[in-house]
Amino acid sequence: PDMYPGNCWAFKGSQGYLVVRLSMKIYPTAFTVEHIPKTLSPTGNITSAPRNFSVYGLDDEYQEEGKLLGEYVYDQDGEPLQMFPVMEKNEDAFQIVELRIFSNWGHAEYTCLYRFRVHGRPA
């Protein structure tokens, strides 16, 4: 609910994933990832911010490999809230979306995700 340092979903290491079930099926158009700005960080850096990530649309939560919607890079020097358009066009609607984080900006112990949003139009 807020953007205070440490109020994040943290996972061990630099790789992890998150699966979200939306309230309805949508045609995804974009995603936003949010992290605290460097100015709010007690250390003055945001090395725990996600770096390389992909987003997939899933037909159900047990699906191993979803449909790739895009591959992205969160810019640690950019705005805290960054929007990423769907890169891989498709005609499918999804209720389940998977965020896969492949790396962070250098933190050796953990990665922090403050906010992930899915944007789209109802199916």
N, C-alpha and C. Protein backbone atom coordinates (compact mmCIF):
# COMPACT_ATOMS: atom_id res chain seq x y z
N PRO A 1 0.80 -1.22 0.00
CA PRO A 1 0.00 0.00 0.00
C PRO A 1 0.84 1.28 0.00
N ASP A 2 2.12 1.19 0.36
CA ASP A 2 2.97 2.37 0.37
C ASP A 2 4.31 2.05 -0.26
N MET A 3 5.14 3.06 -0.40
CA MET A 3 6.43 2.89 -1.06
C MET A 3 7.59 3.23 -0.12
N TYR A 4 7.54 2.72 1.10
CA TYR A 4 8.62 2.96 2.05
C TYR A 4 9.70 1.90 1.85
N PRO A 5 10.98 2.27 2.04
CA PRO A 5 12.07 1.31 1.90
C PRO A 5 11.81 0.06 2.75
N GLY A 6 11.92 -1.09 2.14
CA GLY A 6 11.72 -2.35 2.83
C GLY A 6 10.31 -2.91 2.74
N ASN A 7 9.32 -2.08 2.38
CA ASN A 7 7.94 -2.57 2.22
C ASN A 7 7.77 -3.14 0.82
N CYS A 8 8.47 -4.25 0.58
CA CYS A 8 8.48 -4.85 -0.74
C CYS A 8 8.31 -6.36 -0.61
N TRP A 9 8.10 -7.00 -1.76
CA TRP A 9 8.15 -8.46 -1.81
C TRP A 9 9.59 -8.78 -2.16
N ALA A 10 10.32 -9.32 -1.20
CA ALA A 10 11.73 -9.65 -1.42
C ALA A 10 11.89 -11.15 -1.57
N PHE A 11 12.75 -11.55 -2.50
CA PHE A 11 13.06 -12.97 -2.63
C PHE A 11 14.57 -13.14 -2.70
N LYS A 12 15.03 -14.30 -2.25
CA LYS A 12 16.46 -14.59 -2.16
C LYS A 12 17.08 -14.66 -3.55
N GLY A 13 18.25 -14.06 -3.69
CA GLY A 13 18.98 -14.10 -4.95
C GLY A 13 18.46 -13.08 -5.95
N SER A 14 18.83 -13.32 -7.21
CA SER A 14 18.49 -12.36 -8.26
C SER A 14 17.47 -12.91 -9.26
N GLN A 15 17.01 -14.14 -9.04
CA GLN A 15 16.04 -14.73 -9.96
C GLN A 15 14.83 -15.22 -9.18
N GLY A 16 13.64 -14.92 -9.72
CA GLY A 16 12.41 -15.36 -9.09
C GLY A 16 11.23 -15.11 -10.01
N TYR A 17 10.08 -15.58 -9.59
CA TYR A 17 8.89 -15.35 -10.41
C TYR A 17 7.67 -15.12 -9.54
N LEU A 18 6.68 -14.50 -10.14
CA LEU A 18 5.44 -14.15 -9.47
C LEU A 18 4.31 -14.45 -10.44
N VAL A 19 3.28 -15.15 -9.98
CA VAL A 19 2.12 -15.43 -10.81
C VAL A 19 0.92 -14.72 -10.20
N VAL A 20 0.21 -13.95 -11.04
CA VAL A 20 -0.91 -13.13 -10.59
C VAL A 20 -2.18 -13.58 -11.31
N ARG A 21 -3.26 -13.80 -10.54
CA ARG A 21 -4.57 -14.07 -11.13
C ARG A 21 -5.36 -12.77 -11.10
N LEU A 22 -5.76 -12.31 -12.27
CA LEU A 22 -6.53 -11.07 -12.38
C LEU A 22 -8.00 -11.33 -12.10
N SER A 23 -8.75 -10.29 -11.86
CA SER A 23 -10.17 -10.45 -11.53
C SER A 23 -11.00 -10.90 -12.73
N MET A 24 -10.47 -10.71 -13.94
CA MET A 24 -11.17 -11.14 -15.15
C MET A 24 -10.14 -11.36 -16.26
N LYS A 25 -10.56 -12.01 -17.33
CA LYS A 25 -9.69 -12.18 -18.49
C LYS A 25 -9.54 -10.83 -19.19
N ILE A 26 -8.31 -10.50 -19.56
CA ILE A 26 -8.06 -9.26 -20.28
C ILE A 26 -7.14 -9.52 -21.47
N TYR A 27 -7.14 -8.56 -22.40
CA TYR A 27 -6.14 -8.50 -23.46
C TYR A 27 -5.06 -7.56 -22.94
N PRO A 28 -3.91 -8.10 -22.51
CA PRO A 28 -2.87 -7.24 -21.92
C PRO A 28 -2.34 -6.23 -22.93
N THR A 29 -2.11 -5.00 -22.46
CA THR A 29 -1.54 -3.96 -23.31
C THR A 29 -0.20 -3.44 -22.77
N ALA A 30 -0.02 -3.51 -21.45
CA ALA A 30 1.22 -3.00 -20.85
C ALA A 30 1.35 -3.51 -19.41
N PHE A 31 2.55 -3.31 -18.87
CA PHE A 31 2.85 -3.69 -17.49
C PHE A 31 3.62 -2.53 -16.85
N THR A 32 3.45 -2.35 -15.55
CA THR A 32 4.29 -1.38 -14.86
C THR A 32 5.00 -2.09 -13.71
N VAL A 33 6.25 -1.69 -13.51
CA VAL A 33 7.07 -2.16 -12.40
C VAL A 33 7.48 -0.92 -11.64
N GLU A 34 7.36 -0.99 -10.32
CA GLU A 34 7.69 0.16 -9.48
C GLU A 34 8.66 -0.25 -8.38
N HIS A 35 9.65 0.60 -8.14
CA HIS A 35 10.63 0.41 -7.08
C HIS A 35 10.82 1.78 -6.42
N ILE A 36 11.36 1.81 -5.22
CA ILE A 36 11.62 3.12 -4.60
C ILE A 36 12.72 3.85 -5.38
N PRO A 37 12.70 5.17 -5.38
CA PRO A 37 13.79 5.91 -6.03
C PRO A 37 15.06 5.85 -5.18
N LYS A 38 16.19 6.06 -5.83
CA LYS A 38 17.48 6.06 -5.12
C LYS A 38 17.47 7.05 -3.95
N THR A 39 16.77 8.17 -4.12
CA THR A 39 16.75 9.21 -3.08
C THR A 39 16.09 8.74 -1.78
N LEU A 40 15.21 7.75 -1.86
CA LEU A 40 14.56 7.21 -0.65
C LEU A 40 15.32 6.04 -0.05
N SER A 41 16.29 5.50 -0.78
CA SER A 41 17.04 4.34 -0.30
C SER A 41 18.04 4.74 0.78
N PRO A 42 18.04 4.02 1.90
CA PRO A 42 19.00 4.34 2.98
C PRO A 42 20.46 4.24 2.52
N THR A 43 20.74 3.39 1.52
CA THR A 43 22.11 3.22 1.03
C THR A 43 22.43 4.13 -0.15
N GLY A 44 21.41 4.81 -0.69
CA GLY A 44 21.63 5.68 -1.84
C GLY A 44 21.66 4.95 -3.16
N ASN A 45 21.42 3.63 -3.13
CA ASN A 45 21.36 2.88 -4.38
C ASN A 45 20.17 1.93 -4.35
N ILE A 46 19.82 1.40 -5.50
CA ILE A 46 18.70 0.44 -5.57
C ILE A 46 19.17 -0.82 -6.31
N THR A 47 20.27 -1.38 -5.81
CA THR A 47 20.82 -2.59 -6.44
C THR A 47 19.89 -3.79 -6.30
N SER A 48 18.91 -3.72 -5.39
CA SER A 48 17.96 -4.83 -5.23
C SER A 48 16.80 -4.74 -6.22
N ALA A 49 16.75 -3.68 -7.03
CA ALA A 49 15.67 -3.53 -8.01
C ALA A 49 15.81 -4.58 -9.11
N PRO A 50 14.67 -5.06 -9.64
CA PRO A 50 14.75 -5.99 -10.78
C PRO A 50 15.46 -5.32 -11.95
N ARG A 51 16.13 -6.12 -12.76
CA ARG A 51 16.81 -5.59 -13.96
C ARG A 51 16.17 -6.20 -15.21
N ASN A 52 16.55 -7.42 -15.53
CA ASN A 52 16.00 -8.11 -16.71
C ASN A 52 14.81 -8.97 -16.30
N PHE A 53 13.70 -8.82 -17.03
CA PHE A 53 12.51 -9.62 -16.72
C PHE A 53 11.67 -9.85 -17.97
N SER A 54 10.82 -10.86 -17.89
CA SER A 54 9.87 -11.20 -18.94
C SER A 54 8.49 -11.34 -18.32
N VAL A 55 7.48 -11.19 -19.16
CA VAL A 55 6.10 -11.37 -18.72
C VAL A 55 5.43 -12.35 -19.67
N TYR A 56 4.65 -13.28 -19.10
CA TYR A 56 3.97 -14.32 -19.86
C TYR A 56 2.49 -14.35 -19.51
N GLY A 57 1.67 -14.69 -20.48
CA GLY A 57 0.26 -14.94 -20.24
C GLY A 57 0.05 -16.43 -20.10
N LEU A 58 -0.73 -16.85 -19.10
CA LEU A 58 -0.97 -18.28 -18.85
C LEU A 58 -2.45 -18.61 -18.98
N ASP A 59 -2.72 -19.82 -19.45
CA ASP A 59 -4.11 -20.30 -19.54
C ASP A 59 -4.59 -20.80 -18.18
N ASP A 60 -3.66 -21.37 -17.39
CA ASP A 60 -3.98 -21.78 -16.02
C ASP A 60 -2.69 -21.77 -15.20
N GLU A 61 -2.82 -21.82 -13.88
CA GLU A 61 -1.65 -21.67 -13.00
C GLU A 61 -0.69 -22.85 -13.04
N TYR A 62 -1.11 -23.96 -13.66
CA TYR A 62 -0.24 -25.14 -13.73
C TYR A 62 0.55 -25.20 -15.03
N GLN A 63 0.30 -24.28 -15.93
CA GLN A 63 0.99 -24.25 -17.21
C GLN A 63 2.46 -23.95 -17.01
N GLU A 64 3.32 -24.81 -17.58
CA GLU A 64 4.77 -24.64 -17.41
C GLU A 64 5.30 -23.45 -18.21
N GLU A 65 4.90 -23.36 -19.47
CA GLU A 65 5.42 -22.33 -20.36
C GLU A 65 4.26 -21.54 -20.94
N GLY A 66 4.15 -20.30 -20.53
CA GLY A 66 3.07 -19.45 -21.03
C GLY A 66 3.43 -18.81 -22.35
N LYS A 67 2.60 -17.89 -22.78
CA LYS A 67 2.85 -17.15 -24.03
C LYS A 67 3.63 -15.89 -23.68
N LEU A 68 4.81 -15.75 -24.29
CA LEU A 68 5.67 -14.60 -24.02
C LEU A 68 4.98 -13.32 -24.49
N LEU A 69 4.88 -12.35 -23.58
CA LEU A 69 4.28 -11.06 -23.90
C LEU A 69 5.34 -9.97 -24.07
N GLY A 70 6.55 -10.24 -23.58
CA GLY A 70 7.64 -9.29 -23.76
C GLY A 70 8.81 -9.53 -22.83
N GLU A 71 9.98 -9.04 -23.24
CA GLU A 71 11.20 -9.09 -22.44
C GLU A 71 11.64 -7.65 -22.22
N TYR A 72 12.00 -7.31 -20.98
CA TYR A 72 12.20 -5.91 -20.63
C TYR A 72 13.39 -5.71 -19.70
N VAL A 73 13.78 -4.45 -19.55
CA VAL A 73 14.81 -4.05 -18.59
C VAL A 73 14.27 -2.87 -17.79
N TYR A 74 14.25 -3.02 -16.47
CA TYR A 74 13.91 -1.92 -15.57
C TYR A 74 15.16 -1.06 -15.44
N ASP A 75 15.04 0.24 -15.69
CA ASP A 75 16.18 1.16 -15.66
C ASP A 75 16.33 1.75 -14.26
N GLN A 76 17.41 1.37 -13.57
CA GLN A 76 17.61 1.87 -12.20
C GLN A 76 17.83 3.38 -12.16
N ASP A 77 18.19 3.99 -13.28
CA ASP A 77 18.38 5.43 -13.34
C ASP A 77 17.15 6.17 -13.86
N GLY A 78 16.09 5.41 -14.17
CA GLY A 78 14.87 6.00 -14.69
C GLY A 78 13.91 6.37 -13.58
N GLU A 79 12.66 6.64 -13.96
CA GLU A 79 11.61 6.95 -12.99
C GLU A 79 11.33 5.73 -12.13
N PRO A 80 10.86 5.92 -10.88
CA PRO A 80 10.55 4.76 -10.02
C PRO A 80 9.46 3.86 -10.62
N LEU A 81 8.46 4.47 -11.27
CA LEU A 81 7.39 3.71 -11.91
C LEU A 81 7.64 3.71 -13.41
N GLN A 82 7.85 2.51 -13.98
CA GLN A 82 8.15 2.40 -15.40
C GLN A 82 7.13 1.51 -16.08
N MET A 83 6.65 1.96 -17.25
CA MET A 83 5.64 1.21 -18.00
C MET A 83 6.29 0.54 -19.21
N PHE A 84 5.86 -0.70 -19.45
CA PHE A 84 6.41 -1.50 -20.54
C PHE A 84 5.26 -2.03 -21.40
N PRO A 85 5.21 -1.66 -22.68
CA PRO A 85 4.12 -2.13 -23.54
C PRO A 85 4.29 -3.61 -23.88
N VAL A 86 3.18 -4.29 -24.17
CA VAL A 86 3.26 -5.67 -24.65
C VAL A 86 4.04 -5.65 -25.96
N MET A 87 5.07 -6.48 -26.05
CA MET A 87 5.93 -6.50 -27.24
C MET A 87 5.50 -7.56 -28.25
N GLU A 88 5.02 -8.68 -27.74
CA GLU A 88 4.64 -9.80 -28.60
C GLU A 88 3.13 -9.75 -28.79
N LYS A 89 2.71 -9.28 -29.94
CA LYS A 89 1.27 -9.16 -30.20
C LYS A 89 0.62 -10.54 -30.35
N ASN A 90 -0.55 -10.67 -29.76
CA ASN A 90 -1.31 -11.90 -29.91
C ASN A 90 -2.78 -11.58 -29.70
N GLU A 91 -3.61 -12.53 -30.05
CA GLU A 91 -5.06 -12.33 -29.97
C GLU A 91 -5.66 -12.98 -28.72
N ASP A 92 -4.81 -13.47 -27.83
CA ASP A 92 -5.29 -14.20 -26.66
C ASP A 92 -5.56 -13.28 -25.47
N ALA A 93 -6.59 -13.63 -24.72
CA ALA A 93 -6.88 -12.96 -23.46
C ALA A 93 -6.40 -13.86 -22.33
N PHE A 94 -5.96 -13.25 -21.24
CA PHE A 94 -5.43 -14.01 -20.11
C PHE A 94 -6.00 -13.50 -18.80
N GLN A 95 -6.19 -14.43 -17.87
CA GLN A 95 -6.56 -14.05 -16.50
C GLN A 95 -5.37 -14.25 -15.57
N ILE A 96 -4.37 -15.01 -16.04
CA ILE A 96 -3.20 -15.30 -15.23
C ILE A 96 -1.96 -14.79 -15.96
N VAL A 97 -1.14 -14.03 -15.23
CA VAL A 97 0.07 -13.43 -15.79
C VAL A 97 1.25 -13.79 -14.89
N GLU A 98 2.36 -14.16 -15.54
CA GLU A 98 3.58 -14.51 -14.80
C GLU A 98 4.68 -13.49 -15.09
N LEU A 99 5.28 -12.98 -14.03
CA LEU A 99 6.43 -12.10 -14.11
C LEU A 99 7.65 -12.93 -13.73
N ARG A 100 8.62 -13.03 -14.63
CA ARG A 100 9.87 -13.76 -14.34
C ARG A 100 11.02 -12.77 -14.30
N ILE A 101 11.68 -12.70 -13.17
CA ILE A 101 12.82 -11.81 -13.00
C ILE A 101 14.10 -12.65 -13.15
N PHE A 102 14.98 -12.21 -14.06
CA PHE A 102 16.20 -12.95 -14.36
C PHE A 102 17.43 -12.37 -13.69
N SER A 103 17.38 -11.08 -13.33
CA SER A 103 18.54 -10.46 -12.67
C SER A 103 18.10 -9.19 -11.95
N ASN A 104 18.97 -8.73 -11.05
CA ASN A 104 18.75 -7.44 -10.39
C ASN A 104 19.93 -6.53 -10.73
N TRP A 105 20.01 -5.39 -10.05
CA TRP A 105 21.07 -4.42 -10.35
C TRP A 105 22.31 -4.61 -9.49
N GLY A 106 22.53 -5.83 -9.00
CA GLY A 106 23.80 -6.13 -8.34
C GLY A 106 23.74 -6.55 -6.89
N HIS A 107 22.55 -6.52 -6.27
CA HIS A 107 22.47 -6.94 -4.87
C HIS A 107 22.72 -8.45 -4.79
N ALA A 108 23.66 -8.85 -3.95
CA ALA A 108 24.08 -10.25 -3.89
C ALA A 108 23.09 -11.15 -3.15
N GLU A 109 22.31 -10.58 -2.22
CA GLU A 109 21.48 -11.42 -1.35
C GLU A 109 20.02 -11.53 -1.76
N TYR A 110 19.42 -10.44 -2.26
CA TYR A 110 17.99 -10.50 -2.55
C TYR A 110 17.59 -9.48 -3.62
N THR A 111 16.36 -9.65 -4.11
CA THR A 111 15.74 -8.74 -5.07
C THR A 111 14.42 -8.27 -4.46
N CYS A 112 14.10 -6.99 -4.64
CA CYS A 112 12.87 -6.41 -4.09
C CYS A 112 11.94 -5.96 -5.21
N LEU A 113 10.69 -6.35 -5.11
CA LEU A 113 9.67 -5.87 -6.04
C LEU A 113 8.64 -5.11 -5.22
N TYR A 114 8.48 -3.83 -5.51
CA TYR A 114 7.53 -3.01 -4.75
C TYR A 114 6.13 -3.07 -5.34
N ARG A 115 6.03 -2.99 -6.66
CA ARG A 115 4.70 -3.01 -7.27
C ARG A 115 4.80 -3.49 -8.71
N PHE A 116 3.87 -4.39 -9.07
CA PHE A 116 3.75 -4.88 -10.45
C PHE A 116 2.29 -4.75 -10.85
N ARG A 117 2.04 -4.09 -11.97
CA ARG A 117 0.66 -3.91 -12.43
C ARG A 117 0.52 -4.45 -13.85
N VAL A 118 -0.67 -4.95 -14.14
CA VAL A 118 -1.01 -5.44 -15.47
C VAL A 118 -2.11 -4.53 -16.01
N HIS A 119 -1.90 -4.01 -17.21
CA HIS A 119 -2.88 -3.12 -17.86
C HIS A 119 -3.44 -3.83 -19.09
N GLY A 120 -4.70 -3.57 -19.40
CA GLY A 120 -5.30 -4.16 -20.57
C GLY A 120 -6.76 -3.81 -20.69
N ARG A 121 -7.40 -4.42 -21.65
CA ARG A 121 -8.84 -4.19 -21.84
C ARG A 121 -9.58 -5.50 -21.59
N PRO A 122 -10.75 -5.42 -21.00
CA PRO A 122 -11.52 -6.64 -20.68
C PRO A 122 -11.81 -7.47 -21.92
N ALA A 123 -11.78 -8.78 -21.74
CA ALA A 123 -12.08 -9.69 -22.87
C ALA A 123 -13.59 -9.75 -23.10
